[in-house]
Amino acid sequence: YYSPSLKSRTSISRDTAKNQFTLQLSSVAPED
């Protein structure tokens, strides 16, 4: 699930073996 305002440059994923989840935010700017 994604915030509409960030969806275009956001990806969330998981690694179940490591019990981790990751956020990827592309094209970052100072406002981030």
Full PDB file with SEQRES, HELIX, SHEET, SSBOND, CRYST1, ORIGX, SCALE, CONECT and MASTER records, all heavy atoms in Angstrom:
SEQRES   1 A   32  TYR TYR SER PRO SER LEU LYS SER ARG THR SER ILE SER          
SEQRES   2 A   32  ARG ASP THR ALA LYS ASN GLN PHE THR LEU GLN LEU SER          
SEQRES   3 A   32  SER VAL ALA PRO GLU ASP                                      
HELIX    1 AA1 LYS A    7  ARG A    9  5                                   3    
SHEET    1 AA1 2 THR A  10  ASP A  15  0                                        
SHEET    2 AA1 2 GLN A  20  LEU A  25 -1                                        
CRYST1    1.000    1.000    1.000  90.00  90.00  90.00 P 1           1          
ORIGX1      1.000000  0.000000  0.000000        0.00000                         
ORIGX2      0.000000  1.000000  0.000000        0.00000                         
ORIGX3      0.000000  0.000000  1.000000        0.00000                         
SCALE1      1.000000  0.000000  0.000000        0.00000                         
SCALE2      0.000000  1.000000  0.000000        0.00000                         
SCALE3      0.000000  0.000000  1.000000        0.00000                         
ATOM      1  N   TYR A   1       0.854  -1.173   0.000  1.00  0.00           N  
ATOM      2  CA  TYR A   1       0.000   0.000   0.000  1.00  0.00           C  
ATOM      3  C   TYR A   1       0.897   1.232   0.000  1.00  0.00           C  
ATOM      4  O   TYR A   1       1.916   1.261   0.691  1.00  0.00           O  
ATOM      5  CB  TYR A   1      -0.897   0.019   1.242  1.00  0.00           C  
ATOM      6  CG  TYR A   1      -1.645  -1.276   1.448  1.00  0.00           C  
ATOM      7  CD1 TYR A   1      -1.070  -2.318   2.148  1.00  0.00           C  
ATOM      8  CD2 TYR A   1      -2.921  -1.450   0.925  1.00  0.00           C  
ATOM      9  CE1 TYR A   1      -1.737  -3.517   2.323  1.00  0.00           C  
ATOM     10  CE2 TYR A   1      -3.601  -2.643   1.093  1.00  0.00           C  
ATOM     11  CZ  TYR A   1      -3.004  -3.672   1.794  1.00  0.00           C  
ATOM     12  OH  TYR A   1      -3.670  -4.858   1.964  1.00  0.00           O  
ATOM     13  N   TYR A   2       0.496   2.256  -0.764  1.00  0.00           N  
ATOM     14  CA  TYR A   2       1.326   3.439  -0.917  1.00  0.00           C  
ATOM     15  C   TYR A   2       0.528   4.716  -0.770  1.00  0.00           C  
ATOM     16  O   TYR A   2      -0.638   4.783  -1.174  1.00  0.00           O  
ATOM     17  CB  TYR A   2       1.994   3.445  -2.289  1.00  0.00           C  
ATOM     18  CG  TYR A   2       2.947   2.303  -2.514  1.00  0.00           C  
ATOM     19  CD1 TYR A   2       2.531   1.145  -3.158  1.00  0.00           C  
ATOM     20  CD2 TYR A   2       4.258   2.388  -2.080  1.00  0.00           C  
ATOM     21  CE1 TYR A   2       3.410   0.094  -3.366  1.00  0.00           C  
ATOM     22  CE2 TYR A   2       5.144   1.339  -2.284  1.00  0.00           C  
ATOM     23  CZ  TYR A   2       4.711   0.194  -2.925  1.00  0.00           C  
ATOM     24  OH  TYR A   2       5.589  -0.845  -3.129  1.00  0.00           O  
ATOM     25  N   SER A   3       1.176   5.731  -0.229  1.00  0.00           N  
ATOM     26  CA  SER A   3       0.609   7.062  -0.262  1.00  0.00           C  
ATOM     27  C   SER A   3       0.527   7.528  -1.709  1.00  0.00           C  
ATOM     28  O   SER A   3       1.516   7.425  -2.446  1.00  0.00           O  
ATOM     29  CB  SER A   3       1.480   8.025   0.538  1.00  0.00           C  
ATOM     30  OG  SER A   3       1.097   9.362   0.312  1.00  0.00           O  
ATOM     31  N   PRO A   4      -0.630   8.033  -2.132  1.00  0.00           N  
ATOM     32  CA  PRO A   4      -0.733   8.490  -3.520  1.00  0.00           C  
ATOM     33  C   PRO A   4       0.316   9.528  -3.911  1.00  0.00           C  
ATOM     34  O   PRO A   4       0.784   9.525  -5.055  1.00  0.00           O  
ATOM     35  CB  PRO A   4      -2.145   9.078  -3.588  1.00  0.00           C  
ATOM     36  CG  PRO A   4      -2.903   8.328  -2.537  1.00  0.00           C  
ATOM     37  CD  PRO A   4      -1.910   8.124  -1.431  1.00  0.00           C  
ATOM     38  N   SER A   5       0.681  10.393  -2.990  1.00  0.00           N  
ATOM     39  CA  SER A   5       1.630  11.450  -3.298  1.00  0.00           C  
ATOM     40  C   SER A   5       3.051  10.949  -3.486  1.00  0.00           C  
ATOM     41  O   SER A   5       3.891  11.656  -4.043  1.00  0.00           O  
ATOM     42  CB  SER A   5       1.599  12.521  -2.211  1.00  0.00           C  
ATOM     43  OG  SER A   5       2.043  12.001  -0.969  1.00  0.00           O  
ATOM     44  N   LEU A   6       3.335   9.760  -3.034  1.00  0.00           N  
ATOM     45  CA  LEU A   6       4.683   9.216  -3.103  1.00  0.00           C  
ATOM     46  C   LEU A   6       4.788   7.949  -3.935  1.00  0.00           C  
ATOM     47  O   LEU A   6       5.892   7.461  -4.172  1.00  0.00           O  
ATOM     48  CB  LEU A   6       5.206   8.920  -1.694  1.00  0.00           C  
ATOM     49  CG  LEU A   6       5.369  10.113  -0.760  1.00  0.00           C  
ATOM     50  CD1 LEU A   6       5.624   9.631   0.657  1.00  0.00           C  
ATOM     51  CD2 LEU A   6       6.502  11.009  -1.235  1.00  0.00           C  
ATOM     52  N   LYS A   7       3.676   7.431  -4.375  1.00  0.00           N  
ATOM     53  CA  LYS A   7       3.653   6.130  -5.020  1.00  0.00           C  
ATOM     54  C   LYS A   7       4.598   6.026  -6.204  1.00  0.00           C  
ATOM     55  O   LYS A   7       5.242   4.986  -6.407  1.00  0.00           O  
ATOM     56  CB  LYS A   7       2.228   5.785  -5.455  1.00  0.00           C  
ATOM     57  CG  LYS A   7       2.083   4.409  -6.066  1.00  0.00           C  
ATOM     58  CD  LYS A   7       0.637   4.099  -6.387  1.00  0.00           C  
ATOM     59  CE  LYS A   7       0.489   2.702  -6.971  1.00  0.00           C  
ATOM     60  NZ  LYS A   7      -0.927   2.382  -7.272  1.00  0.00           N  
ATOM     61  N   SER A   8       4.689   7.094  -6.982  1.00  0.00           N  
ATOM     62  CA  SER A   8       5.472   7.033  -8.205  1.00  0.00           C  
ATOM     63  C   SER A   8       6.955   6.799  -7.955  1.00  0.00           C  
ATOM     64  O   SER A   8       7.672   6.340  -8.842  1.00  0.00           O  
ATOM     65  CB  SER A   8       5.287   8.307  -9.027  1.00  0.00           C  
ATOM     66  OG  SER A   8       5.814   9.433  -8.354  1.00  0.00           O  
ATOM     67  N   ARG A   9       7.427   7.128  -6.772  1.00  0.00           N  
ATOM     68  CA  ARG A   9       8.846   6.963  -6.505  1.00  0.00           C  
ATOM     69  C   ARG A   9       9.118   6.167  -5.235  1.00  0.00           C  
ATOM     70  O   ARG A   9      10.210   6.228  -4.674  1.00  0.00           O  
ATOM     71  CB  ARG A   9       9.550   8.315  -6.463  1.00  0.00           C  
ATOM     72  CG  ARG A   9       9.038   9.291  -5.446  1.00  0.00           C  
ATOM     73  CD  ARG A   9       9.641  10.685  -5.698  1.00  0.00           C  
ATOM     74  NE  ARG A   9       9.278  11.613  -4.639  1.00  0.00           N  
ATOM     75  CZ  ARG A   9      10.046  11.940  -3.620  1.00  0.00           C  
ATOM     76  NH1 ARG A   9      11.262  11.419  -3.509  1.00  0.00           N  
ATOM     77  NH2 ARG A   9       9.618  12.802  -2.708  1.00  0.00           N  
ATOM     78  N   THR A  10       8.145   5.421  -4.780  1.00  0.00           N  
ATOM     79  CA  THR A  10       8.279   4.639  -3.558  1.00  0.00           C  
ATOM     80  C   THR A  10       8.068   3.165  -3.837  1.00  0.00           C  
ATOM     81  O   THR A  10       7.186   2.791  -4.609  1.00  0.00           O  
ATOM     82  CB  THR A  10       7.263   5.102  -2.503  1.00  0.00           C  
ATOM     83  OG1 THR A  10       7.460   6.496  -2.233  1.00  0.00           O  
ATOM     84  CG2 THR A  10       7.437   4.325  -1.201  1.00  0.00           C  
ATOM     85  N   SER A  11       8.866   2.361  -3.200  1.00  0.00           N  
ATOM     86  CA  SER A  11       8.688   0.917  -3.272  1.00  0.00           C  
ATOM     87  C   SER A  11       8.940   0.320  -1.898  1.00  0.00           C  
ATOM     88  O   SER A  11       9.915   0.676  -1.233  1.00  0.00           O  
ATOM     89  CB  SER A  11       9.642   0.303  -4.294  1.00  0.00           C  
ATOM     90  OG  SER A  11       9.488  -1.103  -4.350  1.00  0.00           O  
ATOM     91  N   ILE A  12       8.057  -0.547  -1.473  1.00  0.00           N  
ATOM     92  CA  ILE A  12       8.238  -1.259  -0.219  1.00  0.00           C  
ATOM     93  C   ILE A  12       8.329  -2.747  -0.525  1.00  0.00           C  
ATOM     94  O   ILE A  12       7.588  -3.273  -1.358  1.00  0.00           O  
ATOM     95  CB  ILE A  12       7.110  -0.937   0.789  1.00  0.00           C  
ATOM     96  CG1 ILE A  12       7.446  -1.506   2.174  1.00  0.00           C  
ATOM     97  CG2 ILE A  12       5.755  -1.436   0.302  1.00  0.00           C  
ATOM     98  CD1 ILE A  12       6.548  -0.968   3.289  1.00  0.00           C  
ATOM     99  N   SER A  13       9.240  -3.396   0.128  1.00  0.00           N  
ATOM    100  CA  SER A  13       9.456  -4.816  -0.107  1.00  0.00           C  
ATOM    101  C   SER A  13       9.861  -5.488   1.195  1.00  0.00           C  
ATOM    102  O   SER A  13      10.056  -4.816   2.218  1.00  0.00           O  
ATOM    103  CB  SER A  13      10.529  -5.035  -1.180  1.00  0.00           C  
ATOM    104  OG  SER A  13      11.763  -4.464  -0.778  1.00  0.00           O  
ATOM    105  N   ARG A  14       9.993  -6.796   1.154  1.00  0.00           N  
ATOM    106  CA  ARG A  14      10.375  -7.504   2.362  1.00  0.00           C  
ATOM    107  C   ARG A  14      11.289  -8.677   2.053  1.00  0.00           C  
ATOM    108  O   ARG A  14      11.317  -9.194   0.939  1.00  0.00           O  
ATOM    109  CB  ARG A  14       9.140  -7.995   3.117  1.00  0.00           C  
ATOM    110  CG  ARG A  14       8.369  -9.087   2.393  1.00  0.00           C  
ATOM    111  CD  ARG A  14       7.130  -9.481   3.166  1.00  0.00           C  
ATOM    112  NE  ARG A  14       6.420 -10.579   2.525  1.00  0.00           N  
ATOM    113  CZ  ARG A  14       5.332 -11.151   3.014  1.00  0.00           C  
ATOM    114  NH1 ARG A  14       4.799 -10.712   4.152  1.00  0.00           N  
ATOM    115  NH2 ARG A  14       4.753 -12.153   2.357  1.00  0.00           N  
ATOM    116  N   ASP A  15      12.017  -9.058   3.057  1.00  0.00           N  
ATOM    117  CA  ASP A  15      12.851 -10.242   3.015  1.00  0.00           C  
ATOM    118  C   ASP A  15      12.408 -11.091   4.197  1.00  0.00           C  
ATOM    119  O   ASP A  15      12.794 -10.822   5.338  1.00  0.00           O  
ATOM    120  CB  ASP A  15      14.328  -9.863   3.098  1.00  0.00           C  
ATOM    121  CG  ASP A  15      15.254 -11.048   2.945  1.00  0.00           C  
ATOM    122  OD1 ASP A  15      14.858 -12.183   3.272  1.00  0.00           O  
ATOM    123  OD2 ASP A  15      16.401 -10.845   2.495  1.00  0.00           O  
ATOM    124  N   THR A  16      11.598 -12.070   3.936  1.00  0.00           N  
ATOM    125  CA  THR A  16      11.035 -12.848   5.031  1.00  0.00           C  
ATOM    126  C   THR A  16      12.087 -13.681   5.754  1.00  0.00           C  
ATOM    127  O   THR A  16      11.967 -13.924   6.955  1.00  0.00           O  
ATOM    128  CB  THR A  16       9.907 -13.759   4.532  1.00  0.00           C  
ATOM    129  OG1 THR A  16      10.397 -14.635   3.510  1.00  0.00           O  
ATOM    130  CG2 THR A  16       8.764 -12.929   3.973  1.00  0.00           C  
ATOM    131  N   ALA A  17      13.107 -14.096   5.046  1.00  0.00           N  
ATOM    132  CA  ALA A  17      14.159 -14.879   5.678  1.00  0.00           C  
ATOM    133  C   ALA A  17      14.904 -14.067   6.727  1.00  0.00           C  
ATOM    134  O   ALA A  17      15.349 -14.604   7.743  1.00  0.00           O  
ATOM    135  CB  ALA A  17      15.127 -15.423   4.636  1.00  0.00           C  
ATOM    136  N   LYS A  18      15.049 -12.780   6.472  1.00  0.00           N  
ATOM    137  CA  LYS A  18      15.734 -11.893   7.402  1.00  0.00           C  
ATOM    138  C   LYS A  18      14.776 -11.171   8.337  1.00  0.00           C  
ATOM    139  O   LYS A  18      15.221 -10.437   9.218  1.00  0.00           O  
ATOM    140  CB  LYS A  18      16.565 -10.866   6.638  1.00  0.00           C  
ATOM    141  CG  LYS A  18      17.699 -11.470   5.829  1.00  0.00           C  
ATOM    142  CD  LYS A  18      18.484 -10.382   5.112  1.00  0.00           C  
ATOM    143  CE  LYS A  18      19.639 -10.967   4.324  1.00  0.00           C  
ATOM    144  NZ  LYS A  18      20.406  -9.911   3.600  1.00  0.00           N  
ATOM    145  N   ASN A  19      13.485 -11.350   8.120  1.00  0.00           N  
ATOM    146  CA  ASN A  19      12.464 -10.656   8.889  1.00  0.00           C  
ATOM    147  C   ASN A  19      12.674  -9.139   8.821  1.00  0.00           C  
ATOM    148  O   ASN A  19      12.650  -8.432   9.829  1.00  0.00           O  
ATOM    149  CB  ASN A  19      12.444 -11.129  10.345  1.00  0.00           C  
ATOM    150  CG  ASN A  19      11.048 -11.094  10.943  1.00  0.00           C  
ATOM    151  OD1 ASN A  19      10.055 -11.377  10.273  1.00  0.00           O  
ATOM    152  ND2 ASN A  19      10.961 -10.758  12.231  1.00  0.00           N  
ATOM    153  N   GLN A  20      12.856  -8.666   7.603  1.00  0.00           N  
ATOM    154  CA  GLN A  20      13.096  -7.261   7.356  1.00  0.00           C  
ATOM    155  C   GLN A  20      12.166  -6.754   6.267  1.00  0.00           C  
ATOM    156  O   GLN A  20      11.759  -7.517   5.390  1.00  0.00           O  
ATOM    157  CB  GLN A  20      14.537  -7.019   6.898  1.00  0.00           C  
ATOM    158  CG  GLN A  20      15.605  -7.353   7.923  1.00  0.00           C  
ATOM    159  CD  GLN A  20      16.998  -7.187   7.357  1.00  0.00           C  
ATOM    160  OE1 GLN A  20      17.237  -7.378   6.162  1.00  0.00           O  
ATOM    161  NE2 GLN A  20      17.946  -6.825   8.217  1.00  0.00           N  
ATOM    162  N   PHE A  21      11.872  -5.476   6.328  1.00  0.00           N  
ATOM    163  CA  PHE A  21      11.215  -4.837   5.204  1.00  0.00           C  
ATOM    164  C   PHE A  21      11.935  -3.540   4.888  1.00  0.00           C  
ATOM    165  O   PHE A  21      12.550  -2.926   5.747  1.00  0.00           O  
ATOM    166  CB  PHE A  21       9.707  -4.647   5.424  1.00  0.00           C  
ATOM    167  CG  PHE A  21       9.319  -3.763   6.578  1.00  0.00           C  
ATOM    168  CD1 PHE A  21       8.916  -2.454   6.347  1.00  0.00           C  
ATOM    169  CD2 PHE A  21       9.314  -4.237   7.881  1.00  0.00           C  
ATOM    170  CE1 PHE A  21       8.514  -1.640   7.393  1.00  0.00           C  
ATOM    171  CE2 PHE A  21       8.914  -3.435   8.932  1.00  0.00           C  
ATOM    172  CZ  PHE A  21       8.517  -2.135   8.690  1.00  0.00           C  
ATOM    173  N   THR A  22      11.859  -3.157   3.623  1.00  0.00           N  
ATOM    174  CA  THR A  22      12.697  -2.096   3.098  1.00  0.00           C  
ATOM    175  C   THR A  22      11.868  -1.059   2.360  1.00  0.00           C  
ATOM    176  O   THR A  22      10.925  -1.401   1.649  1.00  0.00           O  
ATOM    177  CB  THR A  22      13.759  -2.676   2.153  1.00  0.00           C  
ATOM    178  OG1 THR A  22      14.625  -3.535   2.896  1.00  0.00           O  
ATOM    179  CG2 THR A  22      14.592  -1.573   1.510  1.00  0.00           C  
ATOM    180  N   LEU A  23      12.251   0.176   2.543  1.00  0.00           N  
ATOM    181  CA  LEU A  23      11.674   1.290   1.799  1.00  0.00           C  
ATOM    182  C   LEU A  23      12.699   1.791   0.803  1.00  0.00           C  
ATOM    183  O   LEU A  23      13.849   2.036   1.164  1.00  0.00           O  
ATOM    184  CB  LEU A  23      11.294   2.427   2.747  1.00  0.00           C  
ATOM    185  CG  LEU A  23      10.797   3.713   2.082  1.00  0.00           C  
ATOM    186  CD1 LEU A  23       9.377   3.526   1.567  1.00  0.00           C  
ATOM    187  CD2 LEU A  23      10.865   4.881   3.058  1.00  0.00           C  
ATOM    188  N   GLN A  24      12.278   1.953  -0.426  1.00  0.00           N  
ATOM    189  CA  GLN A  24      13.108   2.574  -1.445  1.00  0.00           C  
ATOM    190  C   GLN A  24      12.402   3.828  -1.935  1.00  0.00           C  
ATOM    191  O   GLN A  24      11.247   3.754  -2.372  1.00  0.00           O  
ATOM    192  CB  GLN A  24      13.361   1.619  -2.600  1.00  0.00           C  
ATOM    193  CG  GLN A  24      14.328   2.137  -3.637  1.00  0.00           C  
ATOM    194  CD  GLN A  24      15.616   1.355  -3.687  1.00  0.00           C  
ATOM    195  OE1 GLN A  24      16.699   1.923  -3.489  1.00  0.00           O  
ATOM    196  NE2 GLN A  24      15.519   0.066  -3.934  1.00  0.00           N  
ATOM    197  N   LEU A  25      13.086   4.948  -1.843  1.00  0.00           N  
ATOM    198  CA  LEU A  25      12.550   6.213  -2.291  1.00  0.00           C  
ATOM    199  C   LEU A  25      13.504   6.781  -3.321  1.00  0.00           C  
ATOM    200  O   LEU A  25      14.660   7.077  -3.012  1.00  0.00           O  
ATOM    201  CB  LEU A  25      12.392   7.182  -1.115  1.00  0.00           C  
ATOM    202  CG  LEU A  25      11.779   8.552  -1.420  1.00  0.00           C  
ATOM    203  CD1 LEU A  25      10.325   8.409  -1.847  1.00  0.00           C  
ATOM    204  CD2 LEU A  25      11.882   9.462  -0.193  1.00  0.00           C  
ATOM    205  N   SER A  26      13.040   6.907  -4.535  1.00  0.00           N  
ATOM    206  CA  SER A  26      13.885   7.351  -5.623  1.00  0.00           C  
ATOM    207  C   SER A  26      13.814   8.859  -5.802  1.00  0.00           C  
ATOM    208  O   SER A  26      12.917   9.530  -5.300  1.00  0.00           O  
ATOM    209  CB  SER A  26      13.494   6.643  -6.929  1.00  0.00           C  
ATOM    210  OG  SER A  26      12.191   7.016  -7.331  1.00  0.00           O  
ATOM    211  N   SER A  27      14.785   9.386  -6.550  1.00  0.00           N  
ATOM    212  CA  SER A  27      14.808  10.803  -6.926  1.00  0.00           C  
ATOM    213  C   SER A  27      14.582  11.725  -5.747  1.00  0.00           C  
ATOM    214  O   SER A  27      13.725  12.611  -5.776  1.00  0.00           O  
ATOM    215  CB  SER A  27      13.767  11.060  -8.023  1.00  0.00           C  
ATOM    216  OG  SER A  27      13.998  10.255  -9.151  1.00  0.00           O  
ATOM    217  N   VAL A  28      15.354  11.542  -4.718  1.00  0.00           N  
ATOM    218  CA  VAL A  28      15.139  12.328  -3.508  1.00  0.00           C  
ATOM    219  C   VAL A  28      15.543  13.782  -3.712  1.00  0.00           C  
ATOM    220  O   VAL A  28      16.372  14.115  -4.556  1.00  0.00           O  
ATOM    221  CB  VAL A  28      15.883  11.732  -2.300  1.00  0.00           C  
ATOM    222  CG1 VAL A  28      15.392  10.319  -2.030  1.00  0.00           C  
ATOM    223  CG2 VAL A  28      17.391  11.765  -2.505  1.00  0.00           C  
ATOM    224  N   ALA A  29      14.930  14.634  -2.918  1.00  0.00           N  
ATOM    225  CA  ALA A  29      15.169  16.061  -2.929  1.00  0.00           C  
ATOM    226  C   ALA A  29      15.297  16.541  -1.490  1.00  0.00           C  
ATOM    227  O   ALA A  29      14.972  15.804  -0.554  1.00  0.00           O  
ATOM    228  CB  ALA A  29      14.021  16.783  -3.636  1.00  0.00           C  
ATOM    229  N   PRO A  30      15.774  17.760  -1.274  1.00  0.00           N  
ATOM    230  CA  PRO A  30      15.873  18.253   0.105  1.00  0.00           C  
ATOM    231  C   PRO A  30      14.578  18.161   0.896  1.00  0.00           C  
ATOM    232  O   PRO A  30      14.621  18.005   2.120  1.00  0.00           O  
ATOM    233  CB  PRO A  30      16.313  19.711  -0.087  1.00  0.00           C  
ATOM    234  CG  PRO A  30      17.101  19.685  -1.350  1.00  0.00           C  
ATOM    235  CD  PRO A  30      16.389  18.700  -2.233  1.00  0.00           C  
ATOM    236  N   GLU A  31      13.444  18.246   0.220  1.00  0.00           N  
ATOM    237  CA  GLU A  31      12.152  18.137   0.886  1.00  0.00           C  
ATOM    238  C   GLU A  31      11.906  16.755   1.482  1.00  0.00           C  
ATOM    239  O   GLU A  31      10.980  16.582   2.276  1.00  0.00           O  
ATOM    240  CB  GLU A  31      11.025  18.483  -0.090  1.00  0.00           C  
ATOM    241  CG  GLU A  31      11.008  19.952  -0.528  1.00  0.00           C  
ATOM    242  CD  GLU A  31      12.123  20.307  -1.503  1.00  0.00           C  
ATOM    243  OE1 GLU A  31      12.548  19.424  -2.285  1.00  0.00           O  
ATOM    244  OE2 GLU A  31      12.571  21.463  -1.478  1.00  0.00           O  
ATOM    245  N   ASP A  32      12.704  15.786   1.104  1.00  0.00           N  
ATOM    246  CA  ASP A  32      12.604  14.451   1.681  1.00  0.00           C  
ATOM    247  C   ASP A  32      13.381  14.314   2.986  1.00  0.00           C  
ATOM    248  O   ASP A  32      13.353  13.250   3.611  1.00  0.00           O  
ATOM    249  CB  ASP A  32      13.091  13.401   0.677  1.00  0.00           C  
ATOM    250  CG  ASP A  32      12.189  13.299  -0.532  1.00  0.00           C  
ATOM    251  OD1 ASP A  32      10.951  13.197  -0.345  1.00  0.00           O  
ATOM    252  OD2 ASP A  32      12.710  13.337  -1.669  1.00  0.00           O  
TER     253      ASP A  32                                                      
MASTER        0    0    0    1    2    0    0    6  252    1    0    3          
END                                                                             
